[in-house]
Amino acid sequence: MKRERRIKTDTPTKDTKLYFGFDNGVTGTIGAIWGNKTWFFKIPVKKEQNYTKKKGNITRVIYSDLLYKLAEVIVECDLPPMMCLIERPMVNPGRFAATISAVRALETTLNVVEVLKIPYQYEDSKKWQKELLPNGSVKEQLKVDSKTIGCRLFPQHSELITKHKDADGILMAEYCRRKF
């Protein structure tokens, strides 16, 4: 009698996609989902003196740290097919400094994603929030709802979600998983 070969169902297979969600910006987070495994971490940043006449500081994404973190996840998953959603950056002429920061963060993120050959597309926050957060969430309630739902769906990351005050990166990865 032939013995049946059993496949562990808790380990994702090579054809399982790896989904990333980037809550873009220097205060953002990144979530990743591959089968039943998840990762959730803050975007690595550093502060340094700005380059303008007025003395001040800027916050920048650390390219090498971001590259290493994402490569580590990809290698752990044995180089699977991938998809990534990046939240469209805020661009508002009335908030010039915040817009410049968002665009700088996006540029570094895109450089890393492109070096790692991760397919990506932009997503507006309202689109993924509409699917994953309660109907009628007002702006002031969005972070609270993100934190609550993130802790419920991904309890293994509740410590960071609570500390960060939202779960946007991992919720975007979940939205990516549902759409792709």
Foldseek 3Di string as FASTA:
>chain_A
DDDDDDDDQQQADQAFEKFKEWAFFQLTKMWIDTRPDIDIDGQAKDKDWDDDPDTDIAIAGDLVVNLVVVVVVCVVSVNHQYEYEYEDFDDDPVPVRSNVRRVRRVVSVVVSCVVVVHHYDYDHPVVLCCVQFDPPQDPVCSLVRQLVSCCVVPVVCNVVSVVSSGRRGNSRRVVVSVVD
